[in-house]
PDB file of N, CA and C in Angstrom:
ATOM      1  N   UNK A   1     149.858   8.673  94.722  1.00  0.00           N
ATOM      2  CA  UNK A   1     148.797   8.897  95.695  1.00  0.00           C
ATOM      3  C   UNK A   1     148.986   7.926  96.863  1.00  0.00           C
ATOM      4  N   UNK A   2     149.002   8.436  98.068  1.00  0.00           N
ATOM      5  CA  UNK A   2     149.181   7.612  99.244  1.00  0.00           C
ATOM      6  C   UNK A   2     147.838   7.059  99.692  1.00  0.00           C
ATOM      7  N   UNK A   3     147.771   5.749  99.857  1.00  0.00           N
ATOM      8  CA  UNK A   3     146.542   5.127 100.347  1.00  0.00           C
ATOM      9  C   UNK A   3     146.482   5.291 101.856  1.00  0.00           C
ATOM     10  N   UNK A   4     145.356   5.735 102.346  1.00  0.00           N
ATOM     11  CA  UNK A   4     145.189   5.915 103.786  1.00  0.00           C
ATOM     12  C   UNK A   4     144.459   4.711 104.349  1.00  0.00           C
ATOM     13  N   UNK A   5     145.047   4.109 105.359  1.00  0.00           N
ATOM     14  CA  UNK A   5     144.465   2.947 106.014  1.00  0.00           C
ATOM     15  C   UNK A   5     144.232   3.306 107.476  1.00  0.00           C
ATOM     16  N   UNK A   6     143.012   3.140 107.940  1.00  0.00           N
ATOM     17  CA  UNK A   6     142.695   3.461 109.328  1.00  0.00           C
ATOM     18  C   UNK A   6     142.805   2.215 110.185  1.00  0.00           C
ATOM     19  N   UNK A   7     143.449   2.345 111.311  1.00  0.00           N
ATOM     20  CA  UNK A   7     143.582   1.275 112.291  1.00  0.00           C
ATOM     21  C   UNK A   7     143.301   1.879 113.665  1.00  0.00           C
ATOM     22  N   UNK A   8     143.277   0.997 114.654  1.00  0.00           N
ATOM     23  CA  UNK A   8     143.055   1.428 116.033  1.00  0.00           C
ATOM     24  C   UNK A   8     144.268   1.038 116.866  1.00  0.00           C
ATOM     25  N   UNK A   9     144.767   1.954 117.665  1.00  0.00           N
ATOM     26  CA  UNK A   9     145.812   1.661 118.637  1.00  0.00           C
ATOM     27  C   UNK A   9     145.137   1.611 120.009  1.00  0.00           C
ATOM     28  N   UNK A  10     145.663   0.817 120.897  1.00  0.00           N
ATOM     29  CA  UNK A  10     145.113   0.723 122.250  1.00  0.00           C
ATOM     30  C   UNK A  10     146.141   1.277 123.223  1.00  0.00           C
ATOM     31  N   UNK A  11     145.711   2.224 124.046  1.00  0.00           N
ATOM     32  CA  UNK A  11     146.567   2.821 125.060  1.00  0.00           C
ATOM     33  C   UNK A  11     145.734   2.987 126.309  1.00  0.00           C
ATOM     34  N   UNK A  12     146.189   2.440 127.396  1.00  0.00           N
ATOM     35  CA  UNK A  12     145.421   2.470 128.652  1.00  0.00           C
ATOM     36  C   UNK A  12     144.019   1.906 128.446  1.00  0.00           C
ATOM     37  N   UNK A  13     143.927   0.855 127.664  1.00  0.00           N
ATOM     38  CA  UNK A  13     142.666   0.174 127.360  1.00  0.00           C
ATOM     39  C   UNK A  13     141.657   1.065 126.648  1.00  0.00           C
ATOM     40  N   UNK A  14     142.127   2.133 126.027  1.00  0.00           N
ATOM     41  CA  UNK A  14     141.251   3.017 125.259  1.00  0.00           C
ATOM     42  C   UNK A  14     141.736   3.053 123.821  1.00  0.00           C
ATOM     43  N   UNK A  15     140.814   3.292 122.901  1.00  0.00           N
ATOM     44  CA  UNK A  15     141.135   3.292 121.483  1.00  0.00           C
ATOM     45  C   UNK A  15     141.627   4.661 121.008  1.00  0.00           C
ATOM     46  N   UNK A  16     142.671   4.623 120.197  1.00  0.00           N
ATOM     47  CA  UNK A  16     143.156   5.816 119.511  1.00  0.00           C
ATOM     48  C   UNK A  16     143.164   5.474 118.029  1.00  0.00           C
ATOM     49  N   UNK A  17     142.350   6.202 117.266  1.00  0.00           N
ATOM     50  CA  UNK A  17     142.320   5.953 115.828  1.00  0.00           C
ATOM     51  C   UNK A  17     143.602   6.493 115.207  1.00  0.00           C
ATOM     52  N   UNK A  18     144.101   5.757 114.214  1.00  0.00           N
ATOM     53  CA  UNK A  18     145.308   6.186 113.528  1.00  0.00           C
ATOM     54  C   UNK A  18     145.184   5.830 112.059  1.00  0.00           C
ATOM     55  N   UNK A  19     145.928   6.556 111.230  1.00  0.00           N
ATOM     56  CA  UNK A  19     145.848   6.377 109.789  1.00  0.00           C
ATOM     57  C   UNK A  19     147.256   6.500 109.208  1.00  0.00           C
ATOM     58  N   UNK A  20     147.536   5.725 108.172  1.00  0.00           N
ATOM     59  CA  UNK A  20     148.811   5.845 107.463  1.00  0.00           C
ATOM     60  C   UNK A  20     148.705   7.027 106.497  1.00  0.00           C
ATOM     61  N   UNK A  21     149.643   7.949 106.614  1.00  0.00           N
ATOM     62  CA  UNK A  21     149.698   9.118 105.723  1.00  0.00           C
ATOM     63  C   UNK A  21     151.172   9.403 105.467  1.00  0.00           C
ATOM     64  N   UNK A  22     151.548   9.491 104.195  1.00  0.00           N
ATOM     65  CA  UNK A  22     152.947   9.720 103.818  1.00  0.00           C
ATOM     66  C   UNK A  22     153.881   8.698 104.470  1.00  0.00           C
ATOM     67  N   UNK A  23     153.434   7.444 104.467  1.00  0.00           N
ATOM     68  CA  UNK A  23     154.228   6.315 104.969  1.00  0.00           C
ATOM     69  C   UNK A  23     154.556   6.382 106.457  1.00  0.00           C
ATOM     70  N   UNK A  24     153.725   7.066 107.243  1.00  0.00           N
ATOM     71  CA  UNK A  24     153.895   7.053 108.695  1.00  0.00           C
ATOM     72  C   UNK A  24     152.528   7.104 109.371  1.00  0.00           C
ATOM     73  N   UNK A  25     152.481   6.689 110.624  1.00  0.00           N
ATOM     74  CA  UNK A  25     151.233   6.701 111.375  1.00  0.00           C
ATOM     75  C   UNK A  25     150.926   8.114 111.845  1.00  0.00           C
ATOM     76  N   UNK A  26     149.664   8.498 111.679  1.00  0.00           N
ATOM     77  CA  UNK A  26     149.140   9.767 112.187  1.00  0.00           C
ATOM     78  C   UNK A  26     147.975   9.418 113.104  1.00  0.00           C
ATOM     79  N   UNK A  27     147.901  10.049 114.269  1.00  0.00           N
ATOM     80  CA  UNK A  27     146.932   9.719 115.312  1.00  0.00           C
ATOM     81  C   UNK A  27     145.896  10.837 115.433  1.00  0.00           C
ATOM     82  N   UNK A  28     144.650  10.454 115.694  1.00  0.00           N
ATOM     83  CA  UNK A  28     143.576  11.436 115.879  1.00  0.00           C
ATOM     84  C   UNK A  28     143.837  12.182 117.192  1.00  0.00           C
ATOM     85  N   UNK A  29     144.000  13.486 117.096  1.00  0.00           N
ATOM     86  CA  UNK A  29     144.412  14.297 118.242  1.00  0.00           C
ATOM     87  C   UNK A  29     143.405  14.230 119.384  1.00  0.00           C
ATOM     88  N   UNK A  30     142.118  14.296 119.082  1.00  0.00           N
ATOM     89  CA  UNK A  30     141.132  14.248 120.178  1.00  0.00           C
ATOM     90  C   UNK A  30     141.197  12.920 120.921  1.00  0.00           C
ATOM     91  N   UNK A  31     141.476  11.820 120.215  1.00  0.00           N
ATOM     92  CA  UNK A  31     141.601  10.520 120.881  1.00  0.00           C
ATOM     93  C   UNK A  31     142.796  10.517 121.834  1.00  0.00           C
ATOM     94  N   UNK A  32     143.927  11.063 121.382  1.00  0.00           N
ATOM     95  CA  UNK A  32     145.136  11.108 122.210  1.00  0.00           C
ATOM     96  C   UNK A  32     144.889  11.950 123.456  1.00  0.00           C
ATOM     97  N   UNK A  33     144.288  13.121 123.279  1.00  0.00           N
ATOM     98  CA  UNK A  33     144.027  14.012 124.415  1.00  0.00           C
ATOM     99  C   UNK A  33     143.050  13.363 125.389  1.00  0.00           C
ATOM    100  N   UNK A  34     142.023  12.696 124.877  1.00  0.00           N
ATOM    101  CA  UNK A  34     141.058  12.030 125.747  1.00  0.00           C
ATOM    102  C   UNK A  34     141.739  10.968 126.600  1.00  0.00           C
ATOM    103  N   UNK A  35     142.605  10.172 125.998  1.00  0.00           N
ATOM    104  CA  UNK A  35     143.278   9.096 126.725  1.00  0.00           C
ATOM    105  C   UNK A  35     144.249   9.658 127.758  1.00  0.00           C
ATOM    106  N   UNK A  36     145.010  10.671 127.383  1.00  0.00           N
ATOM    107  CA  UNK A  36     146.028  11.198 128.293  1.00  0.00           C
ATOM    108  C   UNK A  36     145.465  12.046 129.426  1.00  0.00           C
ATOM    109  N   UNK A  37     144.299  12.665 129.215  1.00  0.00           N
ATOM    110  CA  UNK A  37     143.760  13.586 130.217  1.00  0.00           C
ATOM    111  C   UNK A  37     142.517  13.064 130.930  1.00  0.00           C
ATOM    112  N   UNK A  38     141.944  11.972 130.414  1.00  0.00           N
ATOM    113  CA  UNK A  38     140.659  11.463 130.923  1.00  0.00           C
ATOM    114  C   UNK A  38     139.551  12.497 130.794  1.00  0.00           C
ATOM    115  N   UNK A  39     139.706  13.415 129.849  1.00  0.00           N
ATOM    116  CA  UNK A  39     138.710  14.452 129.626  1.00  0.00           C
ATOM    117  C   UNK A  39     137.457  13.868 128.988  1.00  0.00           C
ATOM    118  N   UNK A  40     136.305  14.325 129.448  1.00  0.00           N
ATOM    119  CA  UNK A  40     135.048  13.909 128.833  1.00  0.00           C
ATOM    120  C   UNK A  40     134.755  14.731 127.588  1.00  0.00           C
ATOM    121  N   UNK A  41     135.425  15.880 127.444  1.00  0.00           N
ATOM    122  CA  UNK A  41     135.250  16.746 126.281  1.00  0.00           C
ATOM    123  C   UNK A  41     136.628  17.122 125.730  1.00  0.00           C
ATOM    124  N   UNK A  42     137.275  16.187 125.022  1.00  0.00           N
ATOM    125  CA  UNK A  42     138.633  16.459 124.553  1.00  0.00           C
ATOM    126  C   UNK A  42     138.726  17.641 123.589  1.00  0.00           C
ATOM    127  N   UNK A  43     137.695  17.889 122.787  1.00  0.00           N
ATOM    128  CA  UNK A  43     137.738  19.039 121.876  1.00  0.00           C
ATOM    129  C   UNK A  43     137.803  20.344 122.675  1.00  0.00           C
ATOM    130  N   UNK A  44     137.037  20.433 123.755  1.00  0.00           N
ATOM    131  CA  UNK A  44     137.083  21.609 124.625  1.00  0.00           C
ATOM    132  C   UNK A  44     138.414  21.731 125.339  1.00  0.00           C
ATOM    133  N   UNK A  45     138.981  20.598 125.731  1.00  0.00           N
ATOM    134  CA  UNK A  45     140.285  20.584 126.391  1.00  0.00           C
ATOM    135  C   UNK A  45     141.349  21.134 125.443  1.00  0.00           C
ATOM    136  N   UNK A  46     141.295  20.700 124.176  1.00  0.00           N
ATOM    137  CA  UNK A  46     142.244  21.178 123.174  1.00  0.00           C
ATOM    138  C   UNK A  46     142.081  22.682 122.964  1.00  0.00           C
ATOM    139  N   UNK A  47     140.846  23.132 122.871  1.00  0.00           N
ATOM    140  CA  UNK A  47     140.571  24.566 122.699  1.00  0.00           C
ATOM    141  C   UNK A  47     141.167  25.359 123.864  1.00  0.00           C
ATOM    142  N   UNK A  48     140.997  24.857 125.095  1.00  0.00           N
ATOM    143  CA  UNK A  48     141.557  25.523 126.271  1.00  0.00           C
ATOM    144  C   UNK A  48     143.085  25.518 126.240  1.00  0.00           C
ATOM    145  N   UNK A  49     143.682  24.381 125.820  1.00  0.00           N
ATOM    146  CA  UNK A  49     145.146  24.294 125.721  1.00  0.00           C
ATOM    147  C   UNK A  49     145.680  25.354 124.768  1.00  0.00           C
ATOM    148  N   UNK A  50     145.021  25.475 123.628  1.00  0.00           N
ATOM    149  CA  UNK A  50     145.472  26.439 122.620  1.00  0.00           C
ATOM    150  C   UNK A  50     145.278  27.877 123.101  1.00  0.00           C
ATOM    151  N   UNK A  51     144.210  28.118 123.852  1.00  0.00           N
ATOM    152  CA  UNK A  51     143.955  29.466 124.368  1.00  0.00           C
ATOM    153  C   UNK A  51     145.005  29.848 125.412  1.00  0.00           C
ATOM    154  N   UNK A  52     145.398  28.889 126.236  1.00  0.00           N
ATOM    155  CA  UNK A  52     146.354  29.157 127.321  1.00  0.00           C
ATOM    156  C   UNK A  52     147.807  29.175 126.863  1.00  0.00           C
ATOM    157  N   UNK A  53     148.116  28.476 125.768  1.00  0.00           N
ATOM    158  CA  UNK A  53     149.493  28.346 125.295  1.00  0.00           C
ATOM    159  C   UNK A  53     149.613  28.974 123.913  1.00  0.00           C
ATOM    160  N   UNK A  54     150.085  30.208 123.870  1.00  0.00           N
ATOM    161  CA  UNK A  54     150.142  30.928 122.598  1.00  0.00           C
ATOM    162  C   UNK A  54     151.100  30.267 121.607  1.00  0.00           C
ATOM    163  N   UNK A  55     152.166  29.654 122.082  1.00  0.00           N
ATOM    164  CA  UNK A  55     153.106  28.966 121.189  1.00  0.00           C
ATOM    165  C   UNK A  55     152.445  27.752 120.539  1.00  0.00           C
ATOM    166  N   UNK A  56     151.675  27.023 121.300  1.00  0.00           N
ATOM    167  CA  UNK A  56     150.942  25.876 120.754  1.00  0.00           C
ATOM    168  C   UNK A  56     149.937  26.362 119.715  1.00  0.00           C
ATOM    169  N   UNK A  57     149.249  27.421 120.029  1.00  0.00           N
ATOM    170  CA  UNK A  57     148.248  27.960 119.112  1.00  0.00           C
ATOM    171  C   UNK A  57     148.885  28.440 117.811  1.00  0.00           C
ATOM    172  N   UNK A  58     150.033  29.123 117.913  1.00  0.00           N
ATOM    173  CA  UNK A  58     150.729  29.610 116.718  1.00  0.00           C
ATOM    174  C   UNK A  58     151.219  28.456 115.849  1.00  0.00           C
ATOM    175  N   UNK A  59     151.660  27.369 116.474  1.00  0.00           N
ATOM    176  CA  UNK A  59     152.203  26.241 115.728  1.00  0.00           C
ATOM    177  C   UNK A  59     151.197  25.156 115.406  1.00  0.00           C
ATOM    178  N   UNK A  60     149.909  25.408 115.689  1.00  0.00           N
ATOM    179  CA  UNK A  60     148.881  24.379 115.519  1.00  0.00           C
ATOM    180  C   UNK A  60     148.846  23.822 114.100  1.00  0.00           C
ATOM    181  N   UNK A  61     149.012  24.685 113.113  1.00  0.00           N
ATOM    182  CA  UNK A  61     148.986  24.252 111.718  1.00  0.00           C
ATOM    183  C   UNK A  61     150.130  23.324 111.358  1.00  0.00           C
ATOM    184  N   UNK A  62     151.217  23.380 112.112  1.00  0.00           N
ATOM    185  CA  UNK A  62     152.339  22.478 111.889  1.00  0.00           C
ATOM    186  C   UNK A  62     152.134  21.156 112.598  1.00  0.00           C
ATOM    187  N   UNK A  63     151.309  21.128 113.631  1.00  0.00           N
ATOM    188  CA  UNK A  63     151.063  19.907 114.403  1.00  0.00           C
ATOM    189  C   UNK A  63     149.863  19.157 113.848  1.00  0.00           C
ATOM    190  N   UNK A  64     148.763  19.862 113.647  1.00  0.00           N
ATOM    191  CA  UNK A  64     147.493  19.235 113.268  1.00  0.00           C
ATOM    192  C   UNK A  64     147.306  19.248 111.754  1.00  0.00           C
ATOM    193  N   UNK A  65     147.048  18.067 111.203  1.00  0.00           N
ATOM    194  CA  UNK A  65     146.770  17.930 109.775  1.00  0.00           C
ATOM    195  C   UNK A  65     145.425  17.237 109.628  1.00  0.00           C
ATOM    196  N   UNK A  66     144.453  17.870 108.972  1.00  0.00           N
ATOM    197  CA  UNK A  66     143.157  17.213 108.761  1.00  0.00           C
ATOM    198  C   UNK A  66     143.307  16.060 107.758  1.00  0.00           C
ATOM    199  N   UNK A  67     142.951  14.855 108.200  1.00  0.00           N
ATOM    200  CA  UNK A  67     143.026  13.663 107.360  1.00  0.00           C
ATOM    201  C   UNK A  67     141.704  12.909 107.422  1.00  0.00           C
ATOM    202  N   UNK A  68     141.383  12.176 106.365  1.00  0.00           N
ATOM    203  CA  UNK A  68     140.191  11.347 106.380  1.00  0.00           C
ATOM    204  C   UNK A  68     140.453  10.094 107.212  1.00  0.00           C
ATOM    205  N   UNK A  69     139.565   9.862 108.179  1.00  0.00           N
ATOM    206  CA  UNK A  69     139.668   8.721 109.089  1.00  0.00           C
ATOM    207  C   UNK A  69     138.336   7.992 109.070  1.00  0.00           C
ATOM    208  N   UNK A  70     138.399   6.682 109.030  1.00  0.00           N
ATOM    209  CA  UNK A  70     137.172   5.881 109.079  1.00  0.00           C
ATOM    210  C   UNK A  70     136.596   5.953 110.491  1.00  0.00           C
ATOM    211  N   UNK A  71     135.329   6.351 110.596  1.00  0.00           N
ATOM    212  CA  UNK A  71     134.648   6.428 111.887  1.00  0.00           C
ATOM    213  C   UNK A  71     133.370   5.597 111.801  1.00  0.00           C
ATOM    214  N   UNK A  72     132.675   5.485 112.906  1.00  0.00           N
ATOM    215  CA  UNK A  72     131.403   4.738 112.923  1.00  0.00           C
ATOM    216  C   UNK A  72     130.401   5.351 111.940  1.00  0.00           C
ATOM    217  N   UNK A  73     130.504   6.637 111.695  1.00  0.00           N
ATOM    218  CA  UNK A  73     129.595   7.321 110.778  1.00  0.00           C
ATOM    219  C   UNK A  73     130.136   7.450 109.363  1.00  0.00           C
ATOM    220  N   UNK A  74     131.221   6.741 109.045  1.00  0.00           N
ATOM    221  CA  UNK A  74     131.847   6.839 107.725  1.00  0.00           C
ATOM    222  C   UNK A  74     133.127   7.650 107.802  1.00  0.00           C
ATOM    223  N   UNK A  75     133.722   7.908 106.651  1.00  0.00           N
ATOM    224  CA  UNK A  75     134.969   8.671 106.634  1.00  0.00           C
ATOM    225  C   UNK A  75     134.700  10.123 106.983  1.00  0.00           C
ATOM    226  N   UNK A  76     135.533  10.649 107.881  1.00  0.00           N
ATOM    227  CA  UNK A  76     135.427  12.045 108.286  1.00  0.00           C
ATOM    228  C   UNK A  76     136.819  12.645 108.334  1.00  0.00           C
ATOM    229  N   UNK A  77     136.909  13.936 108.083  1.00  0.00           N
ATOM    230  CA  UNK A  77     138.181  14.637 108.191  1.00  0.00           C
ATOM    231  C   UNK A  77     138.381  15.040 109.649  1.00  0.00           C
ATOM    232  N   UNK A  78     139.443  14.520 110.252  1.00  0.00           N
ATOM    233  CA  UNK A  78     139.752  14.797 111.649  1.00  0.00           C
ATOM    234  C   UNK A  78     141.182  15.305 111.756  1.00  0.00           C
ATOM    235  N   UNK A  79     141.443  16.165 112.745  1.00  0.00           N
ATOM    236  CA  UNK A  79     142.805  16.637 112.966  1.00  0.00           C
ATOM    237  C   UNK A  79     143.658  15.504 113.499  1.00  0.00           C
ATOM    238  N   UNK A  80     144.778  15.264 112.829  1.00  0.00           N
ATOM    239  CA  UNK A  80     145.690  14.192 113.199  1.00  0.00           C
ATOM    240  C   UNK A  80     147.092  14.771 113.366  1.00  0.00           C
ATOM    241  N   UNK A  81     147.923  14.040 114.110  1.00  0.00           N
ATOM    242  CA  UNK A  81     149.320  14.420 114.290  1.00  0.00           C
ATOM    243  C   UNK A  81     150.174  13.167 114.184  1.00  0.00           C
ATOM    244  N   UNK A  82     151.383  13.338 113.645  1.00  0.00           N
ATOM    245  CA  UNK A  82     152.303  12.214 113.621  1.00  0.00           C
ATOM    246  C   UNK A  82     152.920  12.075 115.017  1.00  0.00           C
ATOM    247  N   UNK A  83     153.829  11.132 115.173  1.00  0.00           N
ATOM    248  CA  UNK A  83     154.413  10.884 116.500  1.00  0.00           C
ATOM    249  C   UNK A  83     155.076  12.134 117.066  1.00  0.00           C
ATOM    250  N   UNK A  84     155.822  12.849 116.237  1.00  0.00           N
ATOM    251  CA  UNK A  84     156.471  14.073 116.697  1.00  0.00           C
ATOM    252  C   UNK A  84     155.448  15.097 117.166  1.00  0.00           C
ATOM    253  N   UNK A  85     154.357  15.241 116.414  1.00  0.00           N
ATOM    254  CA  UNK A  85     153.313  16.189 116.796  1.00  0.00           C
ATOM    255  C   UNK A  85     152.631  15.813 118.094  1.00  0.00           C
ATOM    256  N   UNK A  86     152.410  14.515 118.298  1.00  0.00           N
ATOM    257  CA  UNK A  86     151.797  14.052 119.550  1.00  0.00           C
ATOM    258  C   UNK A  86     152.688  14.408 120.736  1.00  0.00           C
ATOM    259  N   UNK A  87     153.986  14.229 120.583  1.00  0.00           N
ATOM    260  CA  UNK A  87     154.906  14.585 121.679  1.00  0.00           C
ATOM    261  C   UNK A  87     154.932  16.092 121.917  1.00  0.00           C
ATOM    262  N   UNK A  88     154.751  16.892 120.880  1.00  0.00           N
ATOM    263  CA  UNK A  88     154.702  18.348 121.039  1.00  0.00           C
ATOM    264  C   UNK A  88     153.473  18.767 121.843  1.00  0.00           C
ATOM    265  N   UNK A  89     152.382  18.008 121.698  1.00  0.00           N
ATOM    266  CA  UNK A  89     151.179  18.328 122.473  1.00  0.00           C
ATOM    267  C   UNK A  89     151.468  18.165 123.951  1.00  0.00           C
TER     268      UNK A  89
END
């Protein structure tokens, strides 16, 4: 059983939550999109990206993996991507 440890990465002075899964870092996708796009609604931005890019939408299950991440409200399952998945976004 792989122990999941949540940490915070800082990029452009903004926090990106990350968790160890299968011995590699996985990053919360909404955090990455928020930092890279300055979007106030990263979940909506992701939804629009998937709607506009059929290849991204078809491959979403290969990029996004729901993982438990420690949040201010406790552990929650959030879509995460490893480094390769983040670059695919």
